[in-house]
C-alpha atoms as a PDB file:
ATOM      1  CA  MET A   1      58.625 178.443  85.097  1.00  0.00           C
ATOM      2  CA  GLN A   2      57.183 180.511  87.921  1.00  0.00           C
ATOM      3  CA  LYS A   3      58.455 180.174  91.479  1.00  0.00           C
ATOM      4  CA  ASP A   4      55.151 178.620  92.594  1.00  0.00           C
ATOM      5  CA  ASN A   5      55.346 176.015  89.817  1.00  0.00           C
ATOM      6  CA  LEU A   6      58.969 175.243  90.625  1.00  0.00           C
ATOM      7  CA  SER A   7      58.174 174.679  94.297  1.00  0.00           C
ATOM      8  CA  PHE A   8      55.288 172.407  93.253  1.00  0.00           C
ATOM      9  CA  PHE A   9      57.629 170.460  90.953  1.00  0.00           C
ATOM     10  CA  VAL A  10      60.081 169.958  93.831  1.00  0.00           C
ATOM     11  CA  ARG A  11      57.290 168.959  96.239  1.00  0.00           C
ATOM     12  CA  ILE A  12      55.794 166.397  93.862  1.00  0.00           C
ATOM     13  CA  THR A  13      59.273 164.965  93.240  1.00  0.00           C
ATOM     14  CA  ILE A  14      59.802 164.533  96.996  1.00  0.00           C
ATOM     15  CA  ILE A  15      56.338 163.002  97.435  1.00  0.00           C
ATOM     16  CA  THR A  16      56.765 160.480  94.622  1.00  0.00           C
ATOM     17  CA  THR A  17      60.248 159.589  95.837  1.00  0.00           C
ATOM     18  CA  ALA A  18      58.782 158.947  99.298  1.00  0.00           C
ATOM     19  CA  LEU A  19      56.014 156.877  97.671  1.00  0.00           C
ATOM     20  CA  SER A  20      58.657 154.830  95.870  1.00  0.00           C
ATOM     21  CA  ILE A  21      60.518 154.218  99.116  1.00  0.00           C
ATOM     22  CA  ILE A  22      57.324 153.059 100.842  1.00  0.00           C
ATOM     23  CA  LEU A  23      56.447 150.740  97.953  1.00  0.00           C
ATOM     24  CA  LEU A  24      60.010 149.368  97.882  1.00  0.00           C
ATOM     25  CA  LEU A  25      59.784 148.648 101.625  1.00  0.00           C
ATOM     26  CA  ILE A  26      56.522 146.780 101.039  1.00  0.00           C
ATOM     27  CA  LEU A  27      58.220 144.825  98.249  1.00  0.00           C
ATOM     28  CA  ALA A  28      61.115 144.032 100.595  1.00  0.00           C
ATOM     29  CA  GLY A  29      58.621 142.727 103.156  1.00  0.00           C
ATOM     30  CA  LEU A  30      57.057 140.538 100.498  1.00  0.00           C
ATOM     31  CA  MET A  31      60.506 139.264  99.530  1.00  0.00           C
ATOM     32  CA  TYR A  32      61.109 138.237 103.106  1.00  0.00           C
ATOM     33  CA  THR A  33      57.724 136.627 103.776  1.00  0.00           C
ATOM     34  CA  VAL A  34      56.739 135.159 100.395  1.00  0.00           C
ATOM     35  CA  HIS A  35      60.237 134.450  99.014  1.00  0.00           C
ATOM     36  CA  LEU A  36      59.755 136.101  95.636  1.00  0.00           C
ATOM     37  CA  SER A  37      61.888 135.044  92.699  1.00  0.00           C
ATOM     38  CA  GLN A  38      64.482 137.358  91.155  1.00  0.00           C
ATOM     39  CA  ASN A  39      62.200 137.966  88.161  1.00  0.00           C
ATOM     40  CA  GLN A  40      59.298 138.910  90.412  1.00  0.00           C
ATOM     41  CA  ILE A  41      61.506 141.308  92.373  1.00  0.00           C
ATOM     42  CA  SER A  42      62.836 142.928  89.201  1.00  0.00           C
ATOM     43  CA  PHE A  43      59.320 143.314  87.831  1.00  0.00           C
ATOM     44  CA  GLY A  44      58.131 144.802  91.135  1.00  0.00           C
ATOM     45  CA  VAL A  45      60.911 147.386  91.227  1.00  0.00           C
ATOM     46  CA  PHE A  46      60.339 148.308  87.572  1.00  0.00           C
ATOM     47  CA  PHE A  47      56.581 148.577  88.208  1.00  0.00           C
ATOM     48  CA  ILE A  48      57.200 150.888  91.182  1.00  0.00           C
ATOM     49  CA  TYR A  49      59.293 153.177  88.984  1.00  0.00           C
ATOM     50  CA  ILE A  50      56.552 153.305  86.362  1.00  0.00           C
ATOM     51  CA  VAL A  51      53.765 153.988  88.875  1.00  0.00           C
ATOM     52  CA  SER A  52      55.755 156.715  90.629  1.00  0.00           C
ATOM     53  CA  CYS A  53      56.611 158.477  87.371  1.00  0.00           C
ATOM     54  CA  PHE A  54      53.040 158.212  86.133  1.00  0.00           C
ATOM     55  CA  ILE A  55      51.695 159.728  89.359  1.00  0.00           C
ATOM     56  CA  GLY A  56      54.298 162.499  89.308  1.00  0.00           C
ATOM     57  CA  GLY A  57      53.605 163.255  85.650  1.00  0.00           C
ATOM     58  CA  PHE A  58      49.860 163.183  86.291  1.00  0.00           C
ATOM     59  CA  PHE A  59      49.957 165.754  89.074  1.00  0.00           C
ATOM     60  CA  THR A  60      52.544 167.880  87.272  1.00  0.00           C
ATOM     61  CA  GLY A  61      50.378 167.986  84.147  1.00  0.00           C
ATOM     62  CA  LYS A  62      47.276 168.691  86.201  1.00  0.00           C
ATOM     63  CA  LYS A  63      48.961 171.637  87.945  1.00  0.00           C
ATOM     64  CA  LEU A  64      50.815 173.225  85.020  1.00  0.00           C
ATOM     65  CA  LYS A  65      48.042 172.701  82.396  1.00  0.00           C
ATOM     66  CA  VAL A  66      50.210 173.701  79.404  1.00  0.00           C
ATOM     67  CA  ARG A  67      52.544 171.337  77.568  1.00  0.00           C
ATOM     68  CA  ARG A  68      51.546 168.621  80.009  1.00  0.00           C
ATOM     69  CA  PHE A  69      53.296 165.883  78.043  1.00  0.00           C
ATOM     70  CA  LEU A  70      56.534 167.874  78.157  1.00  0.00           C
ATOM     71  CA  TRP A  71      56.314 168.519  81.912  1.00  0.00           C
ATOM     72  CA  GLY A  72      55.446 164.857  82.497  1.00  0.00           C
ATOM     73  CA  LEU A  73      58.478 163.885  80.416  1.00  0.00           C
ATOM     74  CA  CYS A  74      60.655 166.294  82.428  1.00  0.00           C
ATOM     75  CA  PHE A  75      59.329 164.787  85.633  1.00  0.00           C
ATOM     76  CA  GLY A  76      60.119 161.248  84.465  1.00  0.00           C
ATOM     77  CA  ILE A  77      63.659 162.250  83.494  1.00  0.00           C
ATOM     78  CA  LEU A  78      64.175 164.040  86.824  1.00  0.00           C
ATOM     79  CA  TYR A  79      62.962 160.955  88.682  1.00  0.00           C
ATOM     80  CA  PHE A  80      65.368 158.812  86.653  1.00  0.00           C
ATOM     81  CA  LEU A  81      68.261 161.164  87.433  1.00  0.00           C
ATOM     82  CA  ILE A  82      67.498 160.836  91.146  1.00  0.00           C
ATOM     83  CA  LEU A  83      67.558 157.036  90.771  1.00  0.00           C
ATOM     84  CA  LEU A  84      70.821 157.219  88.827  1.00  0.00           C
ATOM     85  CA  ILE A  85      72.493 159.448  91.419  1.00  0.00           C
ATOM     86  CA  LEU A  86      71.368 157.137  94.226  1.00  0.00           C
ATOM     87  CA  SER A  87      72.633 154.099  92.297  1.00  0.00           C
ATOM     88  CA  ILE A  88      76.035 155.702  91.800  1.00  0.00           C
ATOM     89  CA  ALA A  89      76.149 156.787  95.451  1.00  0.00           C
ATOM     90  CA  PHE A  90      75.505 153.210  96.586  1.00  0.00           C
ATOM     91  CA  GLY A  91      78.222 151.818  94.341  1.00  0.00           C
ATOM     92  CA  SER A  92      76.402 150.467  91.301  1.00  0.00           C
ATOM     93  CA  ASN A  93      78.556 149.809  88.237  1.00  0.00           C
ATOM     94  CA  ILE A  94      76.881 151.967  85.596  1.00  0.00           C
ATOM     95  CA  MET A  95      78.676 150.530  82.572  1.00  0.00           C
ATOM     96  CA  LYS A  96      77.864 146.955  83.580  1.00  0.00           C
ATOM     97  CA  ASN A  97      74.150 147.767  83.875  1.00  0.00           C
ATOM     98  CA  LEU A  98      73.851 150.103  80.885  1.00  0.00           C
ATOM     99  CA  PRO A  99      71.074 148.197  79.031  1.00  0.00           C
ATOM    100  CA  HIS A 100      69.000 148.049  82.218  1.00  0.00           C
ATOM    101  CA  ILE A 101      69.663 151.727  82.940  1.00  0.00           C
ATOM    102  CA  LEU A 102      68.517 152.734  79.459  1.00  0.00           C
ATOM    103  CA  SER A 103      65.314 150.708  79.801  1.00  0.00           C
ATOM    104  CA  VAL A 104      64.601 152.382  83.166  1.00  0.00           C
ATOM    105  CA  LEU A 105      65.211 155.807  81.581  1.00  0.00           C
ATOM    106  CA  LEU A 106      62.791 155.009  78.765  1.00  0.00           C
ATOM    107  CA  ALA A 107      60.157 153.654  81.167  1.00  0.00           C
ATOM    108  CA  CYS A 108      60.427 156.641  83.528  1.00  0.00           C
ATOM    109  CA  ALA A 109      60.292 159.168  80.693  1.00  0.00           C
ATOM    110  CA  ALA A 110      57.377 157.453  78.938  1.00  0.00           C
ATOM    111  CA  SER A 111      55.283 156.889  82.066  1.00  0.00           C
ATOM    112  CA  GLY A 112      55.879 160.458  83.240  1.00  0.00           C
ATOM    113  CA  MET A 113      54.845 161.746  79.818  1.00  0.00           C
ATOM    114  CA  ILE A 114      51.720 159.575  79.739  1.00  0.00           C
ATOM    115  CA  GLY A 115      50.846 160.731  83.247  1.00  0.00           C
ATOM    116  CA  GLY A 116      51.247 164.333  82.120  1.00  0.00           C
ATOM    117  CA  ILE A 117      48.942 163.780  79.137  1.00  0.00           C
ATOM    118  CA  VAL A 118      46.287 162.101  81.281  1.00  0.00           C
ATOM    119  CA  GLY A 119      46.599 164.739  84.064  1.00  0.00           C
END
């Protein structure tokens, strides 16, 4: 990977992470005002992960132009690793949430890959 492509990959990761934070803040506002159920909140968070990975994979595939599905997949996995590190840093019990963590990994990887293909 060239230096220019690597810097783009880092930039798009930062941008999609910021997008996720903004969308999560909007979801938190909805939780407060509309009193969403636990299922609605879980779906919203999962949907935000999928949208962010798709967008990141889309722009990564559009920029790199070769092996777009692979770069989209790499983006989705990188995004997941950022989520995992943040979860560990904030004290989440990884072993207790393993089935959920695996489903998030699959969703991030798949949506990043699909975004890369479409990009």
